[in-house]
């Protein structure tokens, strides 16, 4: 669909041939604003939503359309199994949009900061498009994910011996210096990720809550956008590791996000300064939702529960939504969807 870009910080507008995801005037994050009226189909097939994505020439990879099943753990708990995407996480939904736009704009290199899953996903799709990938990854990243990125997808990796926020700063500086396309938790990824909510709506009528593991909070923002587009009222519940919970603290204090040094083994959500944090806090509050924190040991216990009850092998962050569900009280008629975000153990 035809669109333009608008800065969420200063309000500046850019045509869709701008070719970047950060505002040239203030450095703020851009938002995709569609010019036409969305006609969202009732479908659980990712590419049925192509007309609701930013205009581009997309290659139809086999992704999305992930199963939504009722869990054996509890009646009224449904699992959206994003770990069954090609690279094992929900990141594929945004990667195909970012890679398509990078190719459209004529880039031959993508730069990205990642805790693991996003780099794995981007490198996978960029390689098929003939685009090289340079990854900036924090010191706490899962070594198995780093190995996969190197061996399987031929990406160049720079280890940043700090956390994700430092890796993100390094990726931004690198893209400015080299002219590489800056990918990651920005507007085009958000547009691809919002399709998850479209699928949930097609798969489960009358769901009341959606539980989302939070790193950079892009998925929360994308889901909130999709719910507005579909005019669906559902509470968004964000879940963070207790050892890295800047969103939870901001939500509780009703103040802006403050950086927090991550102390969690759930590498996929170990983000101390979420890019979409303040926006996510607002979206969660407006939806009537909540922010829940869980201990690493609670996520680990839920990994085992998921495997024994439903045969699902989630990574630590992928089981975070189950840990949050177990801490909350739901009504008899509630239907809660827990996003099982990844399975890259």
Protein backbone atom coordinates (compact mmCIF):
# COMPACT_ATOMS: atom_id res chain seq x y z
CA UNK A 1 0.00 0.00 0.00
CA UNK A 2 1.13 3.52 -0.76
CA UNK A 3 2.48 5.34 2.28
CA UNK A 4 4.71 8.08 3.62
CA UNK A 5 6.99 8.25 6.67
CA UNK A 6 6.48 10.53 9.65
CA UNK A 7 8.92 11.16 12.48
CA UNK A 8 7.50 10.19 15.87
CA UNK A 9 9.68 12.81 17.58
CA UNK A 10 9.59 16.00 15.49
CA UNK A 11 6.72 15.26 13.09
CA UNK A 12 8.76 15.68 9.88
CA UNK A 13 7.39 13.85 6.85
CA UNK A 14 9.26 11.91 4.17
CA UNK A 15 8.15 10.29 0.92
CA UNK A 16 8.40 6.52 0.62
CA UNK A 17 11.55 6.83 -1.50
CA UNK A 18 13.44 8.32 1.47
CA UNK A 19 15.45 5.14 1.83
CA UNK A 20 16.13 5.27 5.59
CA UNK A 21 14.38 4.44 8.85
CA UNK A 22 15.67 7.28 11.03
CA UNK A 23 14.68 10.95 10.70
CA UNK A 24 17.34 13.05 8.97
CA UNK A 25 16.33 16.12 10.99
CA UNK A 26 16.27 14.87 14.58
CA UNK A 27 17.30 11.21 14.54
CA UNK A 28 13.87 10.06 15.71
CA UNK A 29 12.18 6.80 14.73
CA UNK A 30 9.93 7.01 11.70
CA UNK A 31 6.40 5.65 11.42
CA UNK A 32 4.73 4.25 8.29
CA UNK A 33 1.50 6.14 7.55
CA UNK A 34 -0.72 4.59 4.88
CA UNK A 35 -2.50 6.78 2.36
CA UNK A 36 -5.31 4.41 1.45
CA UNK A 37 -7.91 2.50 3.42
CA UNK A 38 -6.75 -0.86 4.70
CA UNK A 39 -8.80 -3.91 3.71
CA UNK A 40 -7.51 -6.55 6.08
CA UNK A 41 -8.52 -10.06 5.01
CA UNK A 42 -9.59 -12.71 7.52
CA UNK A 43 -6.67 -14.97 6.82
CA UNK A 44 -3.90 -16.79 8.65
CA UNK A 45 -1.60 -16.68 5.61
CA UNK A 46 1.16 -14.07 5.83
CA UNK A 47 1.25 -13.07 2.16
CA UNK A 48 -2.50 -12.49 2.06
CA UNK A 49 -1.57 -9.26 3.88
CA UNK A 50 0.86 -8.05 1.23
CA UNK A 51 -1.49 -5.23 0.17
CA UNK A 52 -1.45 -4.04 3.81
CA UNK A 53 2.36 -3.80 3.86
CA UNK A 54 4.47 -0.88 2.56
CA UNK A 55 4.64 -0.99 -1.24
CA UNK A 56 7.63 -3.00 -2.46
CA UNK A 57 8.55 -5.96 -4.65
CA UNK A 58 8.39 -8.82 -2.18
CA UNK A 59 9.74 -12.30 -2.61
CA UNK A 60 7.19 -14.73 -1.22
CA UNK A 61 9.21 -16.77 1.23
CA UNK A 62 7.42 -19.43 3.28
CA UNK A 63 6.93 -17.72 6.63
CA UNK A 64 4.22 -16.61 9.01
CA UNK A 65 0.90 -18.41 9.08
CA UNK A 66 2.04 -19.95 12.35
CA UNK A 67 -0.28 -22.19 14.32
CA UNK A 68 -2.45 -20.95 17.15
CA UNK A 69 -3.45 -23.78 19.47
CA UNK A 70 -5.13 -24.08 22.84
CA UNK A 71 -2.56 -25.16 25.40
CA UNK A 72 -2.94 -28.28 27.51
CA UNK A 73 -1.65 -26.20 30.42
CA UNK A 74 -4.89 -24.30 30.96
CA UNK A 75 -8.31 -23.87 29.36
CA UNK A 76 -8.50 -20.43 27.76
CA UNK A 77 -4.75 -20.18 27.16
CA UNK A 78 -3.78 -20.16 23.49
CA UNK A 79 -0.28 -20.37 22.05
CA UNK A 80 0.81 -18.42 18.96
CA UNK A 81 3.76 -20.55 17.87
CA UNK A 82 6.18 -18.10 16.26
CA UNK A 83 9.11 -20.46 16.79
CA UNK A 84 7.93 -22.32 13.68
CA UNK A 85 9.05 -19.54 11.36
CA UNK A 86 12.02 -20.49 9.12
CA UNK A 87 14.71 -19.09 11.42
CA UNK A 88 12.95 -20.05 14.64
CA UNK A 89 11.45 -16.71 15.71
CA UNK A 90 8.89 -14.03 14.92
CA UNK A 91 11.69 -11.82 13.55
CA UNK A 92 11.17 -13.25 10.05
CA UNK A 93 7.96 -11.22 9.68
CA UNK A 94 9.88 -7.94 9.86
CA UNK A 95 13.04 -9.14 8.12
CA UNK A 96 11.31 -9.82 4.80
CA UNK A 97 9.97 -6.25 4.76
CA UNK A 98 13.33 -4.68 5.66
CA UNK A 99 15.26 -6.77 3.12
CA UNK A 100 12.75 -5.95 0.38
CA UNK A 101 13.04 -2.22 1.09
CA UNK A 102 16.85 -2.36 1.26
CA UNK A 103 16.94 -4.09 -2.14
CA UNK A 104 14.42 -1.62 -3.59
CA UNK A 105 16.56 1.32 -2.45
CA UNK A 106 19.66 -0.22 -4.04
CA UNK A 107 21.66 -1.12 -0.92
CA UNK A 108 24.26 -3.88 -1.06
CA UNK A 109 24.80 -4.04 2.70
CA UNK A 110 22.62 -4.13 5.81
CA UNK A 111 23.85 -3.11 9.27
CA UNK A 112 21.99 -4.33 12.34
CA UNK A 113 22.36 -4.58 16.11
CA UNK A 114 20.95 -7.72 17.62
CA UNK A 115 20.81 -10.00 20.64
CA UNK A 116 20.82 -12.94 18.22
CA UNK A 117 17.45 -13.78 16.65
CA UNK A 118 17.10 -10.65 14.54
CA UNK A 119 20.60 -10.94 13.07
CA UNK A 120 20.00 -14.62 12.36
CA UNK A 121 16.77 -13.75 10.53
CA UNK A 122 18.09 -10.75 8.59
CA UNK A 123 21.22 -12.56 7.47
CA UNK A 124 19.06 -15.44 6.24
CA UNK A 125 16.86 -13.29 3.99
CA UNK A 126 19.54 -10.78 2.99
CA UNK A 127 21.71 -13.59 1.64
CA UNK A 128 18.90 -14.80 -0.63
CA UNK A 129 18.59 -11.22 -1.94
CA UNK A 130 22.33 -10.89 -2.59
CA UNK A 131 22.83 -8.35 0.19
CA UNK A 132 25.62 -8.73 2.74
CA UNK A 133 24.92 -8.33 6.44
CA UNK A 134 27.09 -6.71 9.11
CA UNK A 135 25.99 -7.50 12.64
CA UNK A 136 26.80 -5.73 15.91
CA UNK A 137 26.09 -8.04 18.78
CA UNK A 138 26.39 -7.59 22.55
CA UNK A 139 28.65 -9.59 24.79
CA UNK A 140 25.77 -11.49 26.42
CA UNK A 141 24.48 -12.97 23.16
CA UNK A 142 23.90 -16.72 23.00
CA UNK A 143 27.09 -18.24 21.50
CA UNK A 144 25.08 -20.86 19.62
CA UNK A 145 23.13 -18.12 17.83
CA UNK A 146 26.35 -16.31 16.96
CA UNK A 147 27.78 -19.54 15.56
CA UNK A 148 24.69 -20.09 13.41
CA UNK A 149 24.83 -16.56 12.04
CA UNK A 150 28.48 -17.03 11.04
CA UNK A 151 28.28 -20.54 9.64
CA UNK A 152 24.85 -20.58 8.03
CA UNK A 153 24.35 -17.08 6.70
CA UNK A 154 27.83 -15.77 6.04
CA UNK A 155 27.36 -12.54 7.96
CA UNK A 156 30.16 -10.39 9.31
CA UNK A 157 29.97 -10.04 13.08
CA UNK A 158 31.37 -7.32 15.35
CA UNK A 159 31.25 -8.27 19.03
CA UNK A 160 30.52 -5.30 21.27
CA UNK A 161 31.66 -6.13 24.79
CA UNK A 162 28.76 -4.32 26.38
CA UNK A 163 24.99 -4.76 26.05
CA UNK A 164 22.50 -4.39 23.20
CA UNK A 165 22.21 -0.60 23.55
CA UNK A 166 25.95 -0.23 22.89
CA UNK A 167 25.64 -2.57 19.91
CA UNK A 168 22.80 -0.43 18.56
CA UNK A 169 24.89 2.73 18.84
CA UNK A 170 27.72 0.97 16.99
CA UNK A 171 25.38 -0.13 14.18
CA UNK A 172 24.06 3.42 13.75
CA UNK A 173 27.58 4.86 13.56
CA UNK A 174 28.65 2.17 11.10
CA UNK A 175 25.68 2.82 8.79
CA UNK A 176 26.43 6.55 8.77
CA UNK A 177 30.09 5.93 8.00
CA UNK A 178 29.63 3.29 5.29
CA UNK A 179 26.20 4.05 3.86
CA UNK A 180 24.84 0.62 4.80
CA UNK A 181 21.07 0.26 5.24
CA UNK A 182 20.31 0.48 8.96
CA UNK A 183 17.94 -2.34 9.84
CA UNK A 184 16.55 -3.54 13.14
CA UNK A 185 13.77 -2.35 15.39
CA UNK A 186 12.48 0.40 13.14
CA UNK A 187 9.39 1.22 11.10
CA UNK A 188 9.55 -1.41 8.34
CA UNK A 189 10.14 -4.24 10.80
CA UNK A 190 7.19 -3.04 12.86
CA UNK A 191 4.93 -3.23 9.80
CA UNK A 192 5.85 -6.85 9.13
CA UNK A 193 5.47 -7.84 12.77
CA UNK A 194 1.99 -6.39 13.09
CA UNK A 195 0.72 -9.18 10.78
CA UNK A 196 0.92 -11.49 13.80
CA UNK A 197 -2.14 -9.78 15.27
CA UNK A 198 -3.97 -10.08 11.94
CA UNK A 199 -3.40 -13.82 12.02
CA UNK A 200 -4.50 -14.14 15.65
CA UNK A 201 -7.75 -12.32 14.83
CA UNK A 202 -8.39 -14.72 11.94
CA UNK A 203 -7.57 -17.77 14.07
CA UNK A 204 -9.37 -16.96 17.32
CA UNK A 205 -12.59 -15.01 17.55
CA UNK A 206 -13.07 -13.00 20.72
CA UNK A 207 -9.59 -13.17 22.21
CA UNK A 208 -9.37 -10.85 25.20
CA UNK A 209 -5.64 -10.57 25.91
CA UNK A 210 -2.38 -10.95 24.06
CA UNK A 211 0.82 -11.59 26.04
CA UNK A 212 4.02 -10.33 24.43
CA UNK A 213 7.67 -10.85 25.49
CA UNK A 214 9.45 -7.48 25.30
CA UNK A 215 12.94 -6.57 24.18
CA UNK A 216 12.84 -3.39 22.09
CA UNK A 217 8.99 -3.33 22.33
CA UNK A 218 8.60 -3.15 18.54
CA UNK A 219 6.21 -6.10 18.58
CA UNK A 220 4.01 -4.48 21.24
CA UNK A 221 3.81 -1.33 19.14
CA UNK A 222 3.06 -3.32 15.97
CA UNK A 223 0.36 -5.39 17.64
CA UNK A 224 -1.27 -2.24 19.08
CA UNK A 225 -1.29 -0.68 15.60
CA UNK A 226 -2.90 -3.78 14.10
CA UNK A 227 -5.57 -3.96 16.82
CA UNK A 228 -6.49 -0.33 16.12
CA UNK A 229 -6.67 -1.04 12.40
CA UNK A 230 -9.02 -3.98 13.04
CA UNK A 231 -10.96 -2.10 15.76
CA UNK A 232 -10.40 -4.92 18.22
CA UNK A 233 -10.29 -4.27 21.96
CA UNK A 234 -7.86 -6.60 23.68
CA UNK A 235 -5.54 -6.03 26.61
CA UNK A 236 -1.86 -6.05 25.71
CA UNK A 237 0.26 -7.64 28.43
CA UNK A 238 4.00 -7.05 28.09
CA UNK A 239 6.40 -9.35 29.90
CA UNK A 240 10.01 -8.61 30.80
CA UNK A 241 12.74 -10.42 32.70
CA UNK A 242 13.01 -9.17 36.28
CA UNK A 243 16.70 -8.52 35.63
CA UNK A 244 15.94 -6.21 32.69
CA UNK A 245 12.63 -4.43 33.16
CA UNK A 246 12.82 -0.75 32.15
CA UNK A 247 9.35 -0.93 30.59
CA UNK A 248 7.81 -2.27 33.79
CA UNK A 249 9.41 0.45 35.88
CA UNK A 250 8.30 3.21 33.49
CA UNK A 251 4.76 1.80 33.44
CA UNK A 252 4.57 1.70 37.23
CA UNK A 253 6.12 5.14 37.79
CA UNK A 254 4.29 6.80 34.89
CA UNK A 255 7.62 8.25 33.75
CA UNK A 256 9.72 7.90 30.57
CA UNK A 257 11.91 4.86 29.98
CA UNK A 258 15.28 4.93 31.72
CA UNK A 259 18.24 2.81 30.69
CA UNK A 260 18.86 -0.29 32.75
CA UNK A 261 21.83 -2.66 32.56
CA UNK A 262 20.46 -6.12 31.65
CA UNK A 263 20.94 -8.98 34.11
CA UNK A 264 19.12 -11.92 32.57
CA UNK A 265 19.91 -15.12 30.66
CA UNK A 266 16.91 -14.48 28.41
CA UNK A 267 19.12 -12.90 25.74
CA UNK A 268 16.30 -12.23 23.27
CA UNK A 269 14.67 -9.73 25.67
CA UNK A 270 17.84 -8.35 27.28
CA UNK A 271 17.37 -4.75 26.10
CA UNK A 272 18.07 -2.01 28.62
CA UNK A 273 16.67 0.90 26.62
CA UNK A 274 13.77 -0.25 24.38
CA UNK A 275 13.50 1.81 21.18
CA UNK A 276 9.69 1.67 21.28
CA UNK A 277 9.54 1.72 25.07
CA UNK A 278 7.67 4.97 25.73
CA UNK A 279 5.27 4.28 22.87
CA UNK A 280 4.65 0.76 24.18
CA UNK A 281 3.90 2.02 27.70
CA UNK A 282 1.25 4.31 26.26
CA UNK A 283 -0.23 1.57 24.04
CA UNK A 284 -0.38 -0.94 26.89
CA UNK A 285 -2.09 1.52 29.19
CA UNK A 286 -4.64 2.52 26.54
CA UNK A 287 -5.46 -1.14 25.87
CA UNK A 288 -6.18 -1.75 29.54
CA UNK A 289 -3.22 -4.10 29.72
CA UNK A 290 -0.31 -4.51 32.09
CA UNK A 291 3.44 -5.09 32.31
CA UNK A 292 4.61 -8.20 34.16
CA UNK A 293 8.13 -9.15 35.24
CA UNK A 294 9.30 -12.74 35.63
CA UNK A 295 12.42 -14.34 37.03
CA UNK A 296 14.79 -16.36 34.84
CA UNK A 297 13.99 -19.43 36.92
CA UNK A 298 10.26 -18.94 36.22
CA UNK A 299 10.91 -18.81 32.48
CA UNK A 300 13.09 -21.93 32.74
CA UNK A 301 10.32 -23.76 34.61
CA UNK A 302 7.83 -22.75 31.92
CA UNK A 303 10.17 -24.02 29.20
CA UNK A 304 9.89 -27.46 30.75
CA UNK A 305 6.13 -27.13 31.28
CA UNK A 306 5.58 -26.21 27.62
CA UNK A 307 7.61 -29.16 26.45
CA UNK A 308 5.83 -31.64 28.71
CA UNK A 309 2.30 -30.31 28.12
CA UNK A 310 2.37 -29.22 24.48
CA UNK A 311 5.59 -30.60 22.98
CA UNK A 312 6.88 -27.06 22.34
CA UNK A 313 10.61 -26.34 22.69
CA UNK A 314 10.78 -22.58 23.38
CA UNK A 315 13.85 -20.57 24.23
CA UNK A 316 13.94 -18.77 27.57
CA UNK A 317 12.40 -15.53 26.26
CA UNK A 318 9.91 -17.58 24.22
CA UNK A 319 8.53 -19.05 27.44
CA UNK A 320 8.26 -15.64 29.15
CA UNK A 321 4.62 -15.19 28.11
CA UNK A 322 3.69 -18.45 29.85
CA UNK A 323 5.48 -17.34 33.02
CA UNK A 324 3.50 -14.08 32.89
CA UNK A 325 0.20 -15.90 32.30
CA UNK A 326 0.76 -17.99 35.43
CA UNK A 327 1.17 -14.82 37.53
CA UNK A 328 -2.04 -13.17 36.33
CA UNK A 329 -5.70 -13.76 37.09
CA UNK A 330 -8.05 -14.20 34.16
CA UNK A 331 -11.83 -14.47 34.07
CA UNK A 332 -13.72 -17.64 33.18
CA UNK A 333 -14.58 -16.36 29.72
CA UNK A 334 -11.17 -14.83 28.92
CA UNK A 335 -9.13 -16.04 25.97
CA UNK A 336 -5.46 -15.14 26.39
CA UNK A 337 -2.99 -15.55 23.53
CA UNK A 338 0.59 -16.13 24.65
CA UNK A 339 3.18 -15.31 21.99
CA UNK A 340 5.82 -18.06 21.94
CA UNK A 341 8.30 -15.76 20.24
CA UNK A 342 11.24 -18.05 19.52
CA UNK A 343 12.76 -21.49 19.84
CA UNK A 344 16.47 -20.90 19.23
CA UNK A 345 17.72 -22.73 22.30
